[in-house]
Amino acid sequence: MRSVWMYAPEIGCGAGRSMVGFTVEAADGVIGHVDRQKDEPGMQHLVVDTGVWKFGRSVLIPAGAVTGIDAEAQKVYVTPSREEIKAAPRFATDSETADPGYLSEVGAYYLALRG
């Protein structure tokens, strides 16, 4: 099974490709916009500003949840629904991206969504 923290090769996300500012969409609607991304090997993820939701917040979405990227339209497509992403472990500060406990919790949550 592919790591939840790595992009699938077929989506065409190469190292150094910035997605900051891209719209993030689930099948059931817009999640928000990419605020930051981390492309460290084995620990790739997006921090998404969900300002479109009431009481907007940021969420961390592992690269393995990304199913497609449309560079021309500046969109990133993800598998989880809006509700599943809203229910993900809360992201509060950038320091959490280095916290093994938090990353383990996020990884387990998104792996459980795969079924």
N, C-alpha and C. Protein backbone atom coordinates (compact mmCIF):
# COMPACT_ATOMS: atom_id res chain seq x y z
N MET A 1 0.85 -1.18 0.00
CA MET A 1 0.00 0.00 0.00
C MET A 1 0.89 1.25 0.00
N ARG A 2 0.56 2.18 -0.84
CA ARG A 2 1.31 3.43 -0.95
C ARG A 2 1.11 4.27 0.30
N SER A 3 2.15 4.99 0.67
CA SER A 3 2.11 5.85 1.85
C SER A 3 1.09 6.97 1.67
N VAL A 4 0.41 7.30 2.75
CA VAL A 4 -0.54 8.41 2.73
C VAL A 4 0.20 9.73 2.56
N TRP A 5 1.52 9.73 2.80
CA TRP A 5 2.32 10.96 2.77
C TRP A 5 3.04 11.18 1.44
N MET A 6 2.69 10.42 0.40
CA MET A 6 3.34 10.59 -0.90
C MET A 6 2.29 10.71 -2.00
N TYR A 7 2.57 11.57 -3.00
CA TYR A 7 1.68 11.70 -4.15
C TYR A 7 1.75 10.44 -5.00
N ALA A 8 0.63 10.05 -5.56
CA ALA A 8 0.62 8.94 -6.50
C ALA A 8 1.36 9.39 -7.76
N PRO A 9 2.20 8.51 -8.33
CA PRO A 9 2.97 8.91 -9.51
C PRO A 9 2.11 9.38 -10.68
N GLU A 10 0.92 8.81 -10.83
CA GLU A 10 0.07 9.13 -11.98
C GLU A 10 -0.55 10.53 -11.95
N ILE A 11 -0.48 11.23 -10.82
CA ILE A 11 -1.08 12.57 -10.80
C ILE A 11 -0.13 13.64 -11.33
N GLY A 12 1.13 13.27 -11.55
CA GLY A 12 2.07 14.20 -12.19
C GLY A 12 2.55 15.34 -11.31
N CYS A 13 2.68 15.09 -10.04
CA CYS A 13 3.18 16.14 -9.15
C CYS A 13 4.67 15.93 -8.95
N GLY A 14 5.46 16.70 -9.67
CA GLY A 14 6.90 16.58 -9.53
C GLY A 14 7.43 17.48 -8.44
N ALA A 15 8.61 17.17 -7.98
CA ALA A 15 9.26 18.00 -6.95
C ALA A 15 9.42 19.41 -7.48
N GLY A 16 9.18 20.36 -6.62
CA GLY A 16 9.36 21.75 -7.01
C GLY A 16 8.14 22.39 -7.66
N ARG A 17 7.09 21.64 -7.86
CA ARG A 17 5.87 22.19 -8.47
C ARG A 17 5.02 22.81 -7.38
N SER A 18 4.92 24.12 -7.40
CA SER A 18 4.15 24.81 -6.37
C SER A 18 2.66 24.78 -6.68
N MET A 19 1.89 24.44 -5.67
CA MET A 19 0.43 24.45 -5.79
C MET A 19 -0.18 25.51 -4.88
N VAL A 20 0.67 26.34 -4.29
CA VAL A 20 0.19 27.41 -3.40
C VAL A 20 -0.77 28.31 -4.19
N GLY A 21 -1.94 28.53 -3.61
CA GLY A 21 -2.97 29.34 -4.26
C GLY A 21 -3.98 28.53 -5.05
N PHE A 22 -3.68 27.26 -5.34
CA PHE A 22 -4.61 26.42 -6.08
C PHE A 22 -5.87 26.17 -5.24
N THR A 23 -7.00 26.03 -5.90
CA THR A 23 -8.25 25.65 -5.26
C THR A 23 -8.23 24.15 -5.01
N VAL A 24 -8.70 23.73 -3.85
CA VAL A 24 -8.76 22.31 -3.51
C VAL A 24 -10.22 21.89 -3.54
N GLU A 25 -10.50 20.84 -4.34
CA GLU A 25 -11.88 20.39 -4.52
C GLU A 25 -12.05 18.91 -4.21
N ALA A 26 -13.14 18.62 -3.52
CA ALA A 26 -13.59 17.24 -3.32
C ALA A 26 -14.73 17.01 -4.31
N ALA A 27 -15.21 15.78 -4.41
CA ALA A 27 -16.31 15.49 -5.32
C ALA A 27 -17.56 16.29 -4.96
N ASP A 28 -17.70 16.66 -3.68
CA ASP A 28 -18.90 17.37 -3.24
C ASP A 28 -18.69 18.86 -3.01
N GLY A 29 -17.61 19.41 -3.54
CA GLY A 29 -17.44 20.86 -3.47
C GLY A 29 -16.06 21.32 -3.09
N VAL A 30 -15.91 22.63 -3.04
CA VAL A 30 -14.63 23.26 -2.75
C VAL A 30 -14.29 23.13 -1.27
N ILE A 31 -13.03 22.79 -0.99
CA ILE A 31 -12.52 22.68 0.38
C ILE A 31 -11.91 24.03 0.79
N GLY A 32 -11.14 24.62 -0.10
CA GLY A 32 -10.44 25.87 0.18
C GLY A 32 -9.31 26.07 -0.80
N HIS A 33 -8.24 26.72 -0.34
CA HIS A 33 -7.09 27.01 -1.18
C HIS A 33 -5.80 26.56 -0.49
N VAL A 34 -4.84 26.09 -1.30
CA VAL A 34 -3.56 25.68 -0.75
C VAL A 34 -2.84 26.91 -0.21
N ASP A 35 -2.55 26.87 1.08
CA ASP A 35 -1.84 27.97 1.73
C ASP A 35 -0.34 27.69 1.75
N ARG A 36 0.00 26.41 2.04
CA ARG A 36 1.40 25.99 2.08
C ARG A 36 1.47 24.53 1.65
N GLN A 37 2.65 24.13 1.22
CA GLN A 37 2.85 22.72 0.91
C GLN A 37 4.24 22.31 1.36
N LYS A 38 4.35 21.02 1.66
CA LYS A 38 5.64 20.47 2.06
C LYS A 38 5.93 19.29 1.15
N ASP A 39 7.09 19.32 0.53
CA ASP A 39 7.45 18.28 -0.42
C ASP A 39 8.65 17.46 0.01
N GLU A 40 8.85 17.36 1.31
CA GLU A 40 9.94 16.54 1.83
C GLU A 40 9.64 15.08 1.50
N PRO A 41 10.61 14.34 0.94
CA PRO A 41 10.36 12.94 0.59
C PRO A 41 9.78 12.15 1.76
N GLY A 42 8.69 11.44 1.49
CA GLY A 42 8.04 10.63 2.49
C GLY A 42 7.13 11.39 3.44
N MET A 43 7.04 12.72 3.30
CA MET A 43 6.22 13.53 4.21
C MET A 43 5.60 14.70 3.43
N GLN A 44 5.01 14.39 2.30
CA GLN A 44 4.41 15.43 1.46
C GLN A 44 2.98 15.70 1.91
N HIS A 45 2.64 16.99 2.01
CA HIS A 45 1.28 17.35 2.38
C HIS A 45 0.98 18.78 1.98
N LEU A 46 -0.31 19.11 2.05
CA LEU A 46 -0.79 20.46 1.78
C LEU A 46 -1.43 21.00 3.05
N VAL A 47 -1.24 22.28 3.30
CA VAL A 47 -1.99 22.98 4.35
C VAL A 47 -3.00 23.83 3.60
N VAL A 48 -4.28 23.56 3.84
CA VAL A 48 -5.35 24.18 3.09
C VAL A 48 -6.14 25.13 3.98
N ASP A 49 -6.27 26.36 3.52
CA ASP A 49 -7.08 27.37 4.21
C ASP A 49 -8.52 27.15 3.80
N THR A 50 -9.36 26.81 4.76
CA THR A 50 -10.77 26.51 4.47
C THR A 50 -11.65 27.72 4.74
N GLY A 51 -11.15 28.90 4.46
CA GLY A 51 -11.87 30.14 4.73
C GLY A 51 -13.26 30.21 4.13
N VAL A 52 -13.55 29.30 3.18
CA VAL A 52 -14.88 29.29 2.56
C VAL A 52 -15.93 28.71 3.50
N TRP A 53 -15.48 28.01 4.56
CA TRP A 53 -16.41 27.44 5.52
C TRP A 53 -16.65 28.44 6.63
N LYS A 54 -17.80 28.34 7.26
CA LYS A 54 -18.07 29.16 8.44
C LYS A 54 -16.99 28.86 9.48
N PHE A 55 -16.47 29.90 10.10
CA PHE A 55 -15.37 29.76 11.06
C PHE A 55 -14.21 29.02 10.42
N GLY A 56 -13.80 29.48 9.24
CA GLY A 56 -12.72 28.87 8.48
C GLY A 56 -11.50 28.56 9.33
N ARG A 57 -10.82 27.52 8.95
CA ARG A 57 -9.61 27.09 9.63
C ARG A 57 -8.73 26.43 8.59
N SER A 58 -7.56 26.05 8.98
CA SER A 58 -6.67 25.33 8.08
C SER A 58 -6.74 23.84 8.40
N VAL A 59 -6.52 23.03 7.37
CA VAL A 59 -6.45 21.58 7.55
C VAL A 59 -5.20 21.08 6.85
N LEU A 60 -4.67 19.99 7.36
CA LEU A 60 -3.52 19.34 6.75
C LEU A 60 -4.05 18.16 5.94
N ILE A 61 -3.72 18.13 4.67
CA ILE A 61 -4.17 17.04 3.80
C ILE A 61 -2.93 16.32 3.26
N PRO A 62 -2.75 15.05 3.63
CA PRO A 62 -1.60 14.29 3.13
C PRO A 62 -1.65 14.14 1.61
N ALA A 63 -0.48 14.07 1.01
CA ALA A 63 -0.39 13.96 -0.45
C ALA A 63 -1.14 12.76 -1.01
N GLY A 64 -1.23 11.68 -0.24
CA GLY A 64 -1.92 10.48 -0.71
C GLY A 64 -3.41 10.68 -0.92
N ALA A 65 -3.98 11.76 -0.39
CA ALA A 65 -5.41 12.05 -0.60
C ALA A 65 -5.65 12.82 -1.89
N VAL A 66 -4.56 13.27 -2.54
CA VAL A 66 -4.68 14.02 -3.79
C VAL A 66 -4.84 13.04 -4.94
N THR A 67 -5.88 13.25 -5.75
CA THR A 67 -6.13 12.35 -6.87
C THR A 67 -5.83 12.98 -8.22
N GLY A 68 -5.68 14.29 -8.25
CA GLY A 68 -5.38 14.95 -9.51
C GLY A 68 -5.00 16.39 -9.32
N ILE A 69 -4.26 16.90 -10.30
CA ILE A 69 -3.85 18.30 -10.31
C ILE A 69 -4.07 18.84 -11.71
N ASP A 70 -4.77 19.96 -11.80
CA ASP A 70 -4.97 20.64 -13.08
C ASP A 70 -4.23 21.97 -12.97
N ALA A 71 -2.99 22.00 -13.47
CA ALA A 71 -2.15 23.19 -13.35
C ALA A 71 -2.74 24.37 -14.10
N GLU A 72 -3.35 24.11 -15.24
CA GLU A 72 -3.93 25.20 -16.04
C GLU A 72 -5.09 25.87 -15.31
N ALA A 73 -5.96 25.06 -14.71
CA ALA A 73 -7.12 25.59 -13.98
C ALA A 73 -6.76 25.93 -12.53
N GLN A 74 -5.54 25.60 -12.12
CA GLN A 74 -5.05 25.80 -10.75
C GLN A 74 -5.98 25.14 -9.72
N LYS A 75 -6.20 23.84 -9.94
CA LYS A 75 -7.05 23.06 -9.03
C LYS A 75 -6.34 21.79 -8.61
N VAL A 76 -6.58 21.41 -7.35
CA VAL A 76 -6.12 20.15 -6.78
C VAL A 76 -7.37 19.38 -6.40
N TYR A 77 -7.45 18.12 -6.81
CA TYR A 77 -8.60 17.29 -6.51
C TYR A 77 -8.22 16.26 -5.44
N VAL A 78 -9.12 16.05 -4.48
CA VAL A 78 -8.86 15.12 -3.38
C VAL A 78 -9.99 14.10 -3.27
N THR A 79 -9.67 12.94 -2.73
CA THR A 79 -10.65 11.87 -2.55
C THR A 79 -11.63 12.12 -1.41
N PRO A 80 -11.16 12.53 -0.22
CA PRO A 80 -12.11 12.69 0.89
C PRO A 80 -13.17 13.75 0.60
N SER A 81 -14.35 13.56 1.17
CA SER A 81 -15.42 14.54 1.02
C SER A 81 -15.15 15.74 1.92
N ARG A 82 -15.92 16.78 1.72
CA ARG A 82 -15.81 17.97 2.57
C ARG A 82 -16.01 17.60 4.05
N GLU A 83 -17.02 16.79 4.33
CA GLU A 83 -17.30 16.40 5.72
C GLU A 83 -16.16 15.59 6.31
N GLU A 84 -15.58 14.69 5.51
CA GLU A 84 -14.46 13.89 6.01
C GLU A 84 -13.25 14.78 6.33
N ILE A 85 -13.02 15.77 5.50
CA ILE A 85 -11.91 16.69 5.76
C ILE A 85 -12.21 17.57 6.96
N LYS A 86 -13.46 18.01 7.10
CA LYS A 86 -13.84 18.79 8.28
C LYS A 86 -13.64 17.99 9.57
N ALA A 87 -13.83 16.67 9.49
CA ALA A 87 -13.72 15.81 10.67
C ALA A 87 -12.28 15.37 10.95
N ALA A 88 -11.35 15.71 10.08
CA ALA A 88 -9.94 15.32 10.26
C ALA A 88 -9.36 15.97 11.51
N PRO A 89 -8.30 15.41 12.04
CA PRO A 89 -7.66 16.02 13.21
C PRO A 89 -7.35 17.50 12.93
N ARG A 90 -7.70 18.33 13.88
CA ARG A 90 -7.55 19.78 13.74
C ARG A 90 -6.09 20.17 13.60
N PHE A 91 -5.81 21.04 12.63
CA PHE A 91 -4.47 21.60 12.42
C PHE A 91 -4.46 23.00 13.00
N ALA A 92 -3.50 23.28 13.89
CA ALA A 92 -3.46 24.59 14.53
C ALA A 92 -2.20 25.38 14.21
N THR A 93 -1.04 24.73 14.24
CA THR A 93 0.21 25.46 14.02
C THR A 93 1.17 24.66 13.15
N ASP A 94 2.07 25.37 12.50
CA ASP A 94 3.06 24.70 11.65
C ASP A 94 3.94 23.74 12.43
N SER A 95 4.12 23.97 13.72
CA SER A 95 4.97 23.07 14.51
C SER A 95 4.40 21.65 14.52
N GLU A 96 3.11 21.51 14.29
CA GLU A 96 2.49 20.17 14.26
C GLU A 96 3.01 19.34 13.09
N THR A 97 3.49 19.99 12.04
CA THR A 97 4.00 19.24 10.89
C THR A 97 5.30 18.51 11.22
N ALA A 98 5.86 18.78 12.40
CA ALA A 98 7.05 18.08 12.87
C ALA A 98 6.76 17.22 14.10
N ASP A 99 5.51 17.15 14.52
CA ASP A 99 5.12 16.39 15.70
C ASP A 99 4.71 14.98 15.30
N PRO A 100 5.53 13.97 15.63
CA PRO A 100 5.24 12.60 15.23
C PRO A 100 3.86 12.11 15.68
N GLY A 101 3.43 12.51 16.88
CA GLY A 101 2.13 12.08 17.37
C GLY A 101 0.99 12.62 16.52
N TYR A 102 1.07 13.90 16.20
CA TYR A 102 0.04 14.53 15.37
C TYR A 102 0.04 13.91 13.97
N LEU A 103 1.22 13.76 13.38
CA LEU A 103 1.31 13.19 12.03
C LEU A 103 0.81 11.76 12.00
N SER A 104 1.06 11.00 13.05
CA SER A 104 0.55 9.63 13.14
C SER A 104 -0.97 9.63 13.19
N GLU A 105 -1.54 10.56 13.96
CA GLU A 105 -2.99 10.67 14.07
C GLU A 105 -3.62 11.03 12.72
N VAL A 106 -3.02 11.99 12.04
CA VAL A 106 -3.53 12.41 10.72
C VAL A 106 -3.41 11.27 9.72
N GLY A 107 -2.25 10.63 9.69
CA GLY A 107 -2.03 9.52 8.76
C GLY A 107 -3.02 8.39 8.99
N ALA A 108 -3.25 8.03 10.25
CA ALA A 108 -4.20 6.97 10.57
C ALA A 108 -5.61 7.35 10.15
N TYR A 109 -5.98 8.61 10.34
CA TYR A 109 -7.32 9.06 9.95
C TYR A 109 -7.53 8.90 8.45
N TYR A 110 -6.60 9.40 7.66
CA TYR A 110 -6.75 9.33 6.20
C TYR A 110 -6.62 7.90 5.69
N LEU A 111 -5.78 7.07 6.31
CA LEU A 111 -5.70 5.66 5.91
C LEU A 111 -7.03 4.94 6.18
N ALA A 112 -7.69 5.27 7.28
CA ALA A 112 -8.98 4.66 7.61
C ALA A 112 -10.04 5.02 6.57
N LEU A 113 -9.91 6.19 5.96
CA LEU A 113 -10.88 6.59 4.94
C LEU A 113 -10.76 5.77 3.66
N ARG A 114 -9.58 5.22 3.44
CA ARG A 114 -9.36 4.39 2.25
C ARG A 114 -10.13 3.08 2.31
N GLY A 115 -10.53 2.71 3.53
CA GLY A 115 -11.33 1.50 3.70
C GLY A 115 -10.55 0.31 3.82
